[in-house]
Amino acid sequence: MCKQHQPIKRVKERTIIEAKQKVDQWRCLYKNGGIDENGKKIKYSLKKAAEKVGVPKKSLEDYRYLLRKAQFLVDLNKVGDKRMGFLRLILKQQRYNQKQYLQDQHQTVAEQKHQLKKLENQQHFEDMIVEGDTIKQAWDDDLLDLSNYLQPLQCTVNEQEGIHVDNFEIGNLDDVCKINGQLTLIE
């Protein structure tokens, strides 16, 4: 039997270096293909390339995903002798830390919004007080202007009333009666 048709033996867990080598070989076969016995170039699908490597396609896809994500978190050459479960653990911890960081950021933003709203409400209240003082001041100014205008007018009215009072004398009040709201002299 040739190697292609042998059943794929399940390996408990590969080391990081083994998984990286298998993934690189798989992708190379998929991109470049191979040469058959007659010297013709053969193009492999992902599934056929995985069979040629001797690892299930699904496992190779998983290894590739883990290796691509972990390369930014750890030096793969330094931890190459560890198992792939180590990378899974690192990625799980990184996702947890990222989730915790996002929750903390969300809480911080919510607190900042609350403080900003509180300050805006306080500022709005202070603006209302200032506006009220401004309106009161404008009202007081209008009354002052009106009283300044009415004072000379009041003097004129008082002077006019004095002239009429001087010219008009009522002797005996018994002869005066009120008819239709006017004082009338009864004769």
N, C-alpha and C. Protein backbone atom coordinates (compact mmCIF):
# COMPACT_ATOMS: atom_id res chain seq x y z
N MET A 1 0.84 -1.19 0.00
CA MET A 1 0.00 0.00 0.00
C MET A 1 0.87 1.23 0.00
N CYS A 2 0.43 2.21 -0.73
CA CYS A 2 1.23 3.44 -0.72
C CYS A 2 0.77 4.35 0.40
N LYS A 3 1.56 5.37 0.66
CA LYS A 3 1.36 6.24 1.81
C LYS A 3 0.03 7.00 1.73
N GLN A 4 -0.43 7.30 0.53
CA GLN A 4 -1.66 8.06 0.37
C GLN A 4 -2.86 7.30 0.89
N HIS A 5 -2.90 6.03 0.71
CA HIS A 5 -4.09 5.26 1.03
C HIS A 5 -4.06 4.67 2.43
N GLN A 6 -2.99 4.87 3.16
CA GLN A 6 -2.94 4.37 4.52
C GLN A 6 -3.89 5.18 5.39
N PRO A 7 -4.56 4.51 6.34
CA PRO A 7 -5.44 5.28 7.21
C PRO A 7 -4.60 6.25 8.07
N ILE A 8 -5.18 7.40 8.30
CA ILE A 8 -4.48 8.43 9.05
C ILE A 8 -4.56 8.07 10.52
N LYS A 9 -3.39 7.91 11.13
CA LYS A 9 -3.33 7.56 12.54
C LYS A 9 -3.45 8.83 13.36
N ARG A 10 -4.31 8.76 14.35
CA ARG A 10 -4.54 9.94 15.19
C ARG A 10 -3.42 10.06 16.21
N VAL A 11 -2.82 11.25 16.23
CA VAL A 11 -1.77 11.54 17.18
C VAL A 11 -2.41 12.34 18.30
N LYS A 12 -2.06 11.99 19.54
CA LYS A 12 -2.70 12.64 20.67
C LYS A 12 -2.56 14.16 20.58
N GLU A 13 -1.33 14.64 20.53
CA GLU A 13 -1.12 16.08 20.35
C GLU A 13 0.30 16.29 19.84
N ARG A 14 0.42 17.13 18.85
CA ARG A 14 1.72 17.39 18.25
C ARG A 14 2.41 18.55 18.96
N THR A 15 3.74 18.56 18.83
CA THR A 15 4.48 19.71 19.35
C THR A 15 4.28 20.87 18.38
N ILE A 16 4.61 22.04 18.84
CA ILE A 16 4.43 23.25 18.02
C ILE A 16 5.29 23.17 16.76
N ILE A 17 6.51 22.69 16.89
CA ILE A 17 7.41 22.59 15.73
C ILE A 17 6.86 21.60 14.71
N GLU A 18 6.40 20.43 15.17
CA GLU A 18 5.83 19.43 14.26
C GLU A 18 4.61 20.01 13.53
N ALA A 19 3.72 20.66 14.28
CA ALA A 19 2.51 21.23 13.67
C ALA A 19 2.88 22.29 12.64
N LYS A 20 3.87 23.12 12.96
CA LYS A 20 4.29 24.18 12.02
C LYS A 20 4.86 23.56 10.74
N GLN A 21 5.66 22.51 10.88
CA GLN A 21 6.24 21.84 9.71
C GLN A 21 5.14 21.23 8.84
N LYS A 22 4.17 20.58 9.48
CA LYS A 22 3.07 19.96 8.74
C LYS A 22 2.24 21.02 8.00
N VAL A 23 1.95 22.12 8.69
CA VAL A 23 1.16 23.18 8.06
C VAL A 23 1.93 23.78 6.88
N ASP A 24 3.22 24.03 7.05
CA ASP A 24 4.03 24.60 5.96
C ASP A 24 4.07 23.65 4.76
N GLN A 25 4.24 22.35 5.02
CA GLN A 25 4.27 21.35 3.95
C GLN A 25 2.92 21.30 3.24
N TRP A 26 1.84 21.34 3.99
CA TRP A 26 0.47 21.30 3.44
C TRP A 26 0.22 22.50 2.53
N ARG A 27 0.57 23.70 3.01
CA ARG A 27 0.34 24.91 2.21
C ARG A 27 1.24 24.94 0.97
N CYS A 28 2.45 24.43 1.10
CA CYS A 28 3.37 24.38 -0.04
C CYS A 28 2.81 23.44 -1.13
N LEU A 29 2.31 22.28 -0.73
CA LEU A 29 1.71 21.35 -1.69
C LEU A 29 0.48 21.96 -2.36
N TYR A 30 -0.31 22.70 -1.59
CA TYR A 30 -1.51 23.33 -2.14
C TYR A 30 -1.14 24.43 -3.14
N LYS A 31 -0.16 25.26 -2.81
CA LYS A 31 0.21 26.39 -3.68
C LYS A 31 1.01 25.95 -4.89
N ASN A 32 2.01 25.10 -4.65
CA ASN A 32 2.94 24.74 -5.74
C ASN A 32 2.59 23.44 -6.44
N GLY A 33 1.84 22.61 -5.78
CA GLY A 33 1.51 21.31 -6.36
C GLY A 33 2.69 20.36 -6.22
N GLY A 34 2.68 19.33 -7.04
CA GLY A 34 3.75 18.33 -6.99
C GLY A 34 3.99 17.78 -8.39
N ILE A 35 4.92 16.84 -8.48
CA ILE A 35 5.25 16.23 -9.77
C ILE A 35 4.98 14.73 -9.64
N ASP A 36 4.23 14.19 -10.62
CA ASP A 36 3.94 12.76 -10.56
C ASP A 36 5.07 11.95 -11.17
N GLU A 37 4.88 10.60 -11.31
CA GLU A 37 5.92 9.71 -11.83
C GLU A 37 6.30 10.03 -13.27
N ASN A 38 5.38 10.56 -14.03
CA ASN A 38 5.63 10.87 -15.44
C ASN A 38 6.27 12.24 -15.62
N GLY A 39 6.45 12.98 -14.53
CA GLY A 39 7.08 14.30 -14.61
C GLY A 39 6.07 15.42 -14.86
N LYS A 40 4.80 15.12 -14.78
CA LYS A 40 3.78 16.15 -14.98
C LYS A 40 3.51 16.85 -13.64
N LYS A 41 3.21 18.13 -13.75
CA LYS A 41 2.90 18.91 -12.55
C LYS A 41 1.45 18.62 -12.15
N ILE A 42 1.27 18.36 -10.86
CA ILE A 42 -0.06 18.06 -10.33
C ILE A 42 -0.45 19.18 -9.36
N LYS A 43 -1.67 19.66 -9.51
CA LYS A 43 -2.22 20.67 -8.61
C LYS A 43 -3.10 19.96 -7.59
N TYR A 44 -2.80 20.17 -6.29
CA TYR A 44 -3.55 19.52 -5.23
C TYR A 44 -4.59 20.47 -4.64
N SER A 45 -5.73 19.92 -4.25
CA SER A 45 -6.71 20.68 -3.47
C SER A 45 -6.23 20.66 -2.01
N LEU A 46 -6.87 21.46 -1.17
CA LEU A 46 -6.48 21.47 0.25
C LEU A 46 -6.66 20.09 0.87
N LYS A 47 -7.73 19.43 0.50
CA LYS A 47 -8.00 18.11 1.07
C LYS A 47 -6.97 17.09 0.59
N LYS A 48 -6.65 17.09 -0.69
CA LYS A 48 -5.67 16.15 -1.24
C LYS A 48 -4.27 16.43 -0.68
N ALA A 49 -3.95 17.73 -0.51
CA ALA A 49 -2.65 18.09 0.06
C ALA A 49 -2.57 17.61 1.51
N ALA A 50 -3.67 17.70 2.24
CA ALA A 50 -3.69 17.23 3.63
C ALA A 50 -3.50 15.71 3.68
N GLU A 51 -4.11 14.98 2.75
CA GLU A 51 -3.93 13.53 2.69
C GLU A 51 -2.48 13.19 2.38
N LYS A 52 -1.87 13.96 1.49
CA LYS A 52 -0.47 13.73 1.12
C LYS A 52 0.44 13.95 2.33
N VAL A 53 0.13 14.95 3.17
CA VAL A 53 0.92 15.24 4.37
C VAL A 53 0.65 14.19 5.44
N GLY A 54 -0.55 13.63 5.46
CA GLY A 54 -0.89 12.60 6.44
C GLY A 54 -1.57 13.13 7.69
N VAL A 55 -2.14 14.31 7.57
CA VAL A 55 -2.85 14.93 8.70
C VAL A 55 -4.21 15.39 8.18
N PRO A 56 -5.27 15.22 8.96
CA PRO A 56 -6.59 15.68 8.50
C PRO A 56 -6.60 17.19 8.21
N LYS A 57 -7.36 17.55 7.20
CA LYS A 57 -7.45 18.95 6.78
C LYS A 57 -7.95 19.84 7.92
N LYS A 58 -8.93 19.36 8.65
CA LYS A 58 -9.49 20.14 9.75
C LYS A 58 -8.43 20.45 10.82
N SER A 59 -7.59 19.46 11.13
CA SER A 59 -6.51 19.67 12.11
C SER A 59 -5.50 20.68 11.58
N LEU A 60 -5.16 20.56 10.31
CA LEU A 60 -4.20 21.51 9.73
C LEU A 60 -4.74 22.93 9.73
N GLU A 61 -6.02 23.08 9.44
CA GLU A 61 -6.64 24.41 9.49
C GLU A 61 -6.60 24.98 10.91
N ASP A 62 -6.87 24.11 11.89
CA ASP A 62 -6.83 24.53 13.29
C ASP A 62 -5.41 24.94 13.68
N TYR A 63 -4.42 24.12 13.31
CA TYR A 63 -3.03 24.45 13.63
C TYR A 63 -2.62 25.77 12.99
N ARG A 64 -3.03 25.95 11.75
CA ARG A 64 -2.67 27.19 11.04
C ARG A 64 -3.27 28.41 11.74
N TYR A 65 -4.51 28.30 12.14
CA TYR A 65 -5.17 29.40 12.86
C TYR A 65 -4.43 29.70 14.16
N LEU A 66 -4.14 28.65 14.94
CA LEU A 66 -3.46 28.84 16.22
C LEU A 66 -2.07 29.44 16.03
N LEU A 67 -1.34 28.96 15.05
CA LEU A 67 0.02 29.47 14.81
C LEU A 67 0.00 30.93 14.38
N ARG A 68 -0.95 31.28 13.53
CA ARG A 68 -1.02 32.68 13.05
C ARG A 68 -1.37 33.63 14.20
N LYS A 69 -2.30 33.23 15.06
CA LYS A 69 -2.68 34.09 16.19
C LYS A 69 -1.56 34.17 17.23
N ALA A 70 -0.90 33.03 17.51
CA ALA A 70 0.09 32.97 18.57
C ALA A 70 1.41 33.64 18.19
N GLN A 71 1.70 33.76 16.91
CA GLN A 71 2.99 34.34 16.50
C GLN A 71 3.15 35.78 16.98
N PHE A 72 2.05 36.47 17.24
CA PHE A 72 2.12 37.85 17.74
C PHE A 72 2.22 37.91 19.26
N LEU A 73 1.94 36.79 19.92
CA LEU A 73 1.94 36.77 21.38
C LEU A 73 3.22 36.16 21.97
N VAL A 74 3.77 35.13 21.33
CA VAL A 74 4.96 34.45 21.85
C VAL A 74 5.92 34.18 20.69
N ASP A 75 7.19 33.93 21.05
CA ASP A 75 8.18 33.52 20.06
C ASP A 75 8.04 32.01 19.88
N LEU A 76 7.57 31.60 18.70
CA LEU A 76 7.29 30.17 18.46
C LEU A 76 8.56 29.33 18.51
N ASN A 77 9.69 29.90 18.19
CA ASN A 77 10.95 29.14 18.23
C ASN A 77 11.33 28.80 19.68
N LYS A 78 11.03 29.68 20.61
CA LYS A 78 11.37 29.43 22.01
C LYS A 78 10.45 28.39 22.66
N VAL A 79 9.20 28.33 22.23
CA VAL A 79 8.24 27.40 22.84
C VAL A 79 7.92 26.24 21.89
N GLY A 80 8.79 26.00 20.93
CA GLY A 80 8.56 24.97 19.93
C GLY A 80 8.45 23.56 20.47
N ASP A 81 9.07 23.28 21.58
CA ASP A 81 9.03 21.92 22.14
C ASP A 81 7.76 21.66 22.94
N LYS A 82 6.96 22.68 23.17
CA LYS A 82 5.70 22.50 23.92
C LYS A 82 4.61 22.00 22.96
N ARG A 83 3.54 21.51 23.54
CA ARG A 83 2.43 20.97 22.74
C ARG A 83 1.50 22.09 22.27
N MET A 84 0.65 21.77 21.31
CA MET A 84 -0.27 22.76 20.74
C MET A 84 -1.27 23.26 21.79
N GLY A 85 -1.53 22.46 22.79
CA GLY A 85 -2.43 22.88 23.87
C GLY A 85 -1.90 24.12 24.59
N PHE A 86 -0.58 24.28 24.62
CA PHE A 86 0.03 25.46 25.23
C PHE A 86 -0.40 26.72 24.47
N LEU A 87 -0.42 26.64 23.13
CA LEU A 87 -0.87 27.80 22.33
C LEU A 87 -2.35 28.08 22.55
N ARG A 88 -3.14 27.00 22.66
CA ARG A 88 -4.57 27.19 22.93
C ARG A 88 -4.77 27.91 24.26
N LEU A 89 -4.00 27.52 25.25
CA LEU A 89 -4.09 28.13 26.57
C LEU A 89 -3.69 29.62 26.51
N ILE A 90 -2.63 29.92 25.80
CA ILE A 90 -2.18 31.32 25.66
C ILE A 90 -3.25 32.15 24.97
N LEU A 91 -3.84 31.62 23.90
CA LEU A 91 -4.87 32.36 23.18
C LEU A 91 -6.13 32.54 24.02
N LYS A 92 -6.47 31.52 24.79
CA LYS A 92 -7.64 31.62 25.67
C LYS A 92 -7.41 32.71 26.71
N GLN A 93 -6.22 32.72 27.31
CA GLN A 93 -5.88 33.74 28.30
C GLN A 93 -5.88 35.13 27.68
N GLN A 94 -5.38 35.23 26.47
CA GLN A 94 -5.34 36.53 25.77
C GLN A 94 -6.76 37.02 25.48
N ARG A 95 -7.67 36.13 25.07
CA ARG A 95 -9.06 36.52 24.82
C ARG A 95 -9.72 36.98 26.11
N TYR A 96 -9.45 36.26 27.21
CA TYR A 96 -10.01 36.65 28.51
C TYR A 96 -9.50 38.03 28.91
N ASN A 97 -8.19 38.25 28.76
CA ASN A 97 -7.61 39.56 29.11
C ASN A 97 -8.19 40.67 28.25
N GLN A 98 -8.37 40.38 26.98
CA GLN A 98 -8.93 41.38 26.06
C GLN A 98 -10.38 41.68 26.44
N LYS A 99 -11.14 40.65 26.77
CA LYS A 99 -12.53 40.84 27.17
C LYS A 99 -12.60 41.67 28.45
N GLN A 100 -11.73 41.34 29.41
CA GLN A 100 -11.69 42.08 30.67
C GLN A 100 -11.30 43.54 30.42
N TYR A 101 -10.33 43.75 29.54
CA TYR A 101 -9.89 45.11 29.19
C TYR A 101 -11.04 45.90 28.57
N LEU A 102 -11.78 45.27 27.66
CA LEU A 102 -12.91 45.94 27.01
C LEU A 102 -14.01 46.27 28.02
N GLN A 103 -14.26 45.36 28.95
CA GLN A 103 -15.26 45.63 29.98
C GLN A 103 -14.81 46.80 30.86
N ASP A 104 -13.53 46.81 31.22
CA ASP A 104 -13.00 47.92 32.03
C ASP A 104 -13.10 49.24 31.26
N GLN A 105 -12.78 49.21 29.98
CA GLN A 105 -12.87 50.41 29.15
C GLN A 105 -14.31 50.89 29.06
N HIS A 106 -15.23 49.93 28.88
CA HIS A 106 -16.65 50.28 28.79
C HIS A 106 -17.12 50.92 30.08
N GLN A 107 -16.69 50.36 31.21
CA GLN A 107 -17.07 50.90 32.51
C GLN A 107 -16.46 52.29 32.70
N THR A 108 -15.22 52.48 32.29
CA THR A 108 -14.56 53.78 32.41
C THR A 108 -15.27 54.82 31.55
N VAL A 109 -15.63 54.44 30.33
CA VAL A 109 -16.34 55.37 29.44
C VAL A 109 -17.70 55.72 30.03
N ALA A 110 -18.39 54.73 30.59
CA ALA A 110 -19.70 55.00 31.20
C ALA A 110 -19.56 55.95 32.38
N GLU A 111 -18.53 55.75 33.19
CA GLU A 111 -18.30 56.65 34.33
C GLU A 111 -17.97 58.06 33.85
N GLN A 112 -17.16 58.16 32.81
CA GLN A 112 -16.81 59.47 32.26
C GLN A 112 -18.04 60.18 31.70
N LYS A 113 -18.90 59.42 31.02
CA LYS A 113 -20.13 60.02 30.50
C LYS A 113 -21.01 60.52 31.64
N HIS A 114 -21.08 59.72 32.70
CA HIS A 114 -21.89 60.11 33.86
C HIS A 114 -21.34 61.39 34.49
N GLN A 115 -20.03 61.47 34.66
CA GLN A 115 -19.41 62.67 35.23
C GLN A 115 -19.63 63.88 34.33
N LEU A 116 -19.50 63.67 33.00
CA LEU A 116 -19.71 64.76 32.05
C LEU A 116 -21.15 65.25 32.10
N LYS A 117 -22.09 64.32 32.16
CA LYS A 117 -23.51 64.70 32.24
C LYS A 117 -23.78 65.45 33.54
N LYS A 118 -23.17 64.99 34.63
CA LYS A 118 -23.33 65.64 35.92
C LYS A 118 -22.80 67.08 35.85
N LEU A 119 -21.62 67.25 35.23
CA LEU A 119 -21.05 68.59 35.08
C LEU A 119 -21.91 69.47 34.17
N GLU A 120 -22.44 68.88 33.10
CA GLU A 120 -23.30 69.65 32.20
C GLU A 120 -24.56 70.11 32.92
N ASN A 121 -25.15 69.22 33.73
CA ASN A 121 -26.34 69.60 34.49
C ASN A 121 -26.02 70.70 35.49
N GLN A 122 -24.88 70.59 36.15
CA GLN A 122 -24.47 71.61 37.11
C GLN A 122 -24.23 72.93 36.39
N GLN A 123 -23.57 72.88 35.23
CA GLN A 123 -23.30 74.09 34.46
C GLN A 123 -24.61 74.70 33.97
N HIS A 124 -25.55 73.84 33.53
CA HIS A 124 -26.85 74.33 33.07
C HIS A 124 -27.58 75.03 34.22
N PHE A 125 -27.52 74.44 35.43
CA PHE A 125 -28.15 75.03 36.60
C PHE A 125 -27.52 76.40 36.91
N GLU A 126 -26.18 76.46 36.84
CA GLU A 126 -25.49 77.73 37.09
C GLU A 126 -25.86 78.75 36.02
N ASP A 127 -26.00 78.32 34.78
CA ASP A 127 -26.41 79.23 33.71
C ASP A 127 -27.81 79.77 33.97
N MET A 128 -28.68 78.90 34.50
CA MET A 128 -30.04 79.35 34.80
C MET A 128 -30.01 80.43 35.88
N ILE A 129 -29.16 80.26 36.87
CA ILE A 129 -29.06 81.25 37.94
C ILE A 129 -28.54 82.56 37.37
N VAL A 130 -27.54 82.50 36.54
CA VAL A 130 -26.99 83.71 35.93
C VAL A 130 -28.03 84.37 35.03
N GLU A 131 -28.75 83.55 34.25
CA GLU A 131 -29.77 84.11 33.38
C GLU A 131 -30.88 84.76 34.21
N GLY A 132 -31.24 84.12 35.31
CA GLY A 132 -32.26 84.70 36.19
C GLY A 132 -31.80 86.03 36.74
N ASP A 133 -30.55 86.11 37.19
CA ASP A 133 -30.00 87.37 37.68
C ASP A 133 -30.00 88.41 36.56
N THR A 134 -29.66 87.99 35.36
CA THR A 134 -29.62 88.91 34.22
C THR A 134 -31.02 89.42 33.91
N ILE A 135 -32.01 88.53 33.94
CA ILE A 135 -33.39 88.95 33.66
C ILE A 135 -33.87 89.89 34.76
N LYS A 136 -33.56 89.56 36.01
CA LYS A 136 -33.95 90.42 37.13
C LYS A 136 -33.28 91.79 36.99
N GLN A 137 -32.00 91.79 36.62
CA GLN A 137 -31.27 93.05 36.45
C GLN A 137 -31.90 93.86 35.32
N ALA A 138 -32.26 93.21 34.22
CA ALA A 138 -32.89 93.92 33.10
C ALA A 138 -34.24 94.49 33.54
N TRP A 139 -35.00 93.73 34.32
CA TRP A 139 -36.29 94.19 34.83
C TRP A 139 -36.09 95.40 35.74
N ASP A 140 -35.09 95.31 36.63
CA ASP A 140 -34.80 96.44 37.52
C ASP A 140 -34.40 97.68 36.72
N ASP A 141 -33.59 97.47 35.67
CA ASP A 141 -33.19 98.60 34.83
C ASP A 141 -34.39 99.23 34.15
N ASP A 142 -35.32 98.39 33.66
CA ASP A 142 -36.52 98.92 33.01
C ASP A 142 -37.37 99.72 34.00
N LEU A 143 -37.51 99.19 35.22
CA LEU A 143 -38.28 99.92 36.23
C LEU A 143 -37.62 101.25 36.60
N LEU A 144 -36.31 101.25 36.67
CA LEU A 144 -35.58 102.48 36.98
C LEU A 144 -35.79 103.50 35.87
N ASP A 145 -35.71 103.05 34.62
CA ASP A 145 -35.95 103.96 33.50
C ASP A 145 -37.37 104.50 33.55
N LEU A 146 -38.33 103.63 33.86
CA LEU A 146 -39.73 104.03 33.92
C LEU A 146 -39.95 105.03 35.07
N SER A 147 -39.33 104.75 36.21
CA SER A 147 -39.51 105.69 37.34
C SER A 147 -38.84 107.03 37.03
N ASN A 148 -37.73 106.99 36.32
CA ASN A 148 -37.09 108.26 35.93
C ASN A 148 -37.98 109.05 34.97
N TYR A 149 -38.69 108.33 34.14
CA TYR A 149 -39.60 108.98 33.20
C TYR A 149 -40.84 109.50 33.91
N LEU A 150 -41.36 108.71 34.87
CA LEU A 150 -42.61 109.07 35.55
C LEU A 150 -42.44 110.20 36.57
N GLN A 151 -41.26 110.37 37.14
CA GLN A 151 -41.06 111.40 38.16
C GLN A 151 -41.38 112.80 37.63
N PRO A 152 -40.82 113.22 36.50
CA PRO A 152 -41.20 114.56 36.00
C PRO A 152 -42.67 114.63 35.64
N LEU A 153 -43.21 113.52 35.14
CA LEU A 153 -44.61 113.49 34.76
C LEU A 153 -45.48 113.64 36.01
N GLN A 154 -45.11 112.98 37.11
CA GLN A 154 -45.85 113.07 38.37
C GLN A 154 -45.84 114.51 38.88
N CYS A 155 -44.68 115.15 38.76
CA CYS A 155 -44.60 116.55 39.19
C CYS A 155 -45.54 117.43 38.37
N THR A 156 -45.59 117.16 37.09
CA THR A 156 -46.46 117.94 36.22
C THR A 156 -47.91 117.71 36.59
N VAL A 157 -48.29 116.49 36.85
CA VAL A 157 -49.67 116.18 37.24
C VAL A 157 -49.97 116.84 38.57
N ASN A 158 -49.08 116.74 39.51
CA ASN A 158 -49.30 117.38 40.82
C ASN A 158 -49.44 118.89 40.66
N GLU A 159 -48.62 119.47 39.81
CA GLU A 159 -48.72 120.92 39.57
C GLU A 159 -50.07 121.26 38.95
N GLN A 160 -50.50 120.42 37.97
CA GLN A 160 -51.78 120.65 37.33
C GLN A 160 -52.93 120.52 38.33
N GLU A 161 -52.83 119.49 39.19
CA GLU A 161 -53.87 119.30 40.19
C GLU A 161 -53.90 120.49 41.15
N GLY A 162 -52.72 121.01 41.48
CA GLY A 162 -52.65 122.17 42.37
C GLY A 162 -53.32 123.39 41.78
N ILE A 163 -53.16 123.59 40.49
CA ILE A 163 -53.78 124.72 39.81
C ILE A 163 -55.28 124.58 39.87
N HIS A 164 -55.78 123.41 39.54
CA HIS A 164 -57.22 123.19 39.55
C HIS A 164 -57.78 123.29 40.96
N VAL A 165 -57.03 122.77 41.91
CA VAL A 165 -57.52 122.83 43.28
C VAL A 165 -57.57 124.28 43.75
N ASP A 166 -56.60 125.06 43.32
CA ASP A 166 -56.61 126.47 43.71
C ASP A 166 -57.79 127.20 43.10
N ASN A 167 -58.13 126.84 41.86
CA ASN A 167 -59.22 127.54 41.18
C ASN A 167 -60.58 127.04 41.59
N PHE A 168 -60.63 125.83 42.10
CA PHE A 168 -61.92 125.24 42.41
C PHE A 168 -62.02 125.06 43.91
N GLU A 169 -62.99 125.71 44.49
CA GLU A 169 -63.18 125.59 45.92
C GLU A 169 -64.59 125.07 46.17
N ILE A 170 -64.64 124.11 47.05
CA ILE A 170 -65.94 123.58 47.43
C ILE A 170 -66.21 124.07 48.83
N GLY A 171 -67.33 124.73 48.97
CA GLY A 171 -67.67 125.31 50.26
C GLY A 171 -68.26 124.27 51.19
N ASN A 172 -69.49 124.02 51.06
CA ASN A 172 -70.20 123.14 51.96
C ASN A 172 -70.36 121.79 51.29
N LEU A 173 -69.90 120.73 51.93
CA LEU A 173 -69.98 119.41 51.34
C LEU A 173 -71.38 118.83 51.41
N ASP A 174 -72.26 119.47 52.13
CA ASP A 174 -73.62 118.97 52.19
C ASP A 174 -74.33 119.14 50.85
N ASP A 175 -73.87 120.12 50.08
CA ASP A 175 -74.51 120.41 48.81
C ASP A 175 -73.93 119.56 47.67
N VAL A 176 -72.96 118.68 47.95
CA VAL A 176 -72.32 117.89 46.89
C VAL A 176 -72.87 116.47 46.96
N CYS A 177 -73.24 115.90 45.81
CA CYS A 177 -73.66 114.50 45.77
C CYS A 177 -73.01 113.83 44.56
N LYS A 178 -72.96 112.56 44.63
CA LYS A 178 -72.28 111.81 43.59
C LYS A 178 -73.36 111.22 42.66
N ILE A 179 -73.31 111.58 41.40
CA ILE A 179 -74.27 111.09 40.41
C ILE A 179 -73.47 110.47 39.27
N ASN A 180 -73.75 109.19 38.97
CA ASN A 180 -73.06 108.45 37.91
C ASN A 180 -71.55 108.54 38.04
N GLY A 181 -71.04 108.48 39.26
CA GLY A 181 -69.60 108.44 39.50
C GLY A 181 -68.96 109.81 39.46
N GLN A 182 -69.72 110.90 39.27
CA GLN A 182 -69.16 112.24 39.24
C GLN A 182 -69.73 113.05 40.38
N LEU A 183 -68.90 113.94 40.86
CA LEU A 183 -69.38 114.85 41.92
C LEU A 183 -70.19 115.96 41.28
N THR A 184 -71.34 116.16 41.82
CA THR A 184 -72.23 117.20 41.28
C THR A 184 -72.66 118.11 42.43
N LEU A 185 -72.72 119.36 42.13
CA LEU A 185 -73.14 120.36 43.14
C LEU A 185 -74.65 120.49 43.08
N ILE A 186 -75.29 120.32 44.20
CA ILE A 186 -76.75 120.44 44.26
C ILE A 186 -77.11 121.86 44.65
N GLU A 187 -78.00 122.42 43.90
CA GLU A 187 -78.37 123.81 44.18
C GLU A 187 -79.72 123.90 44.72
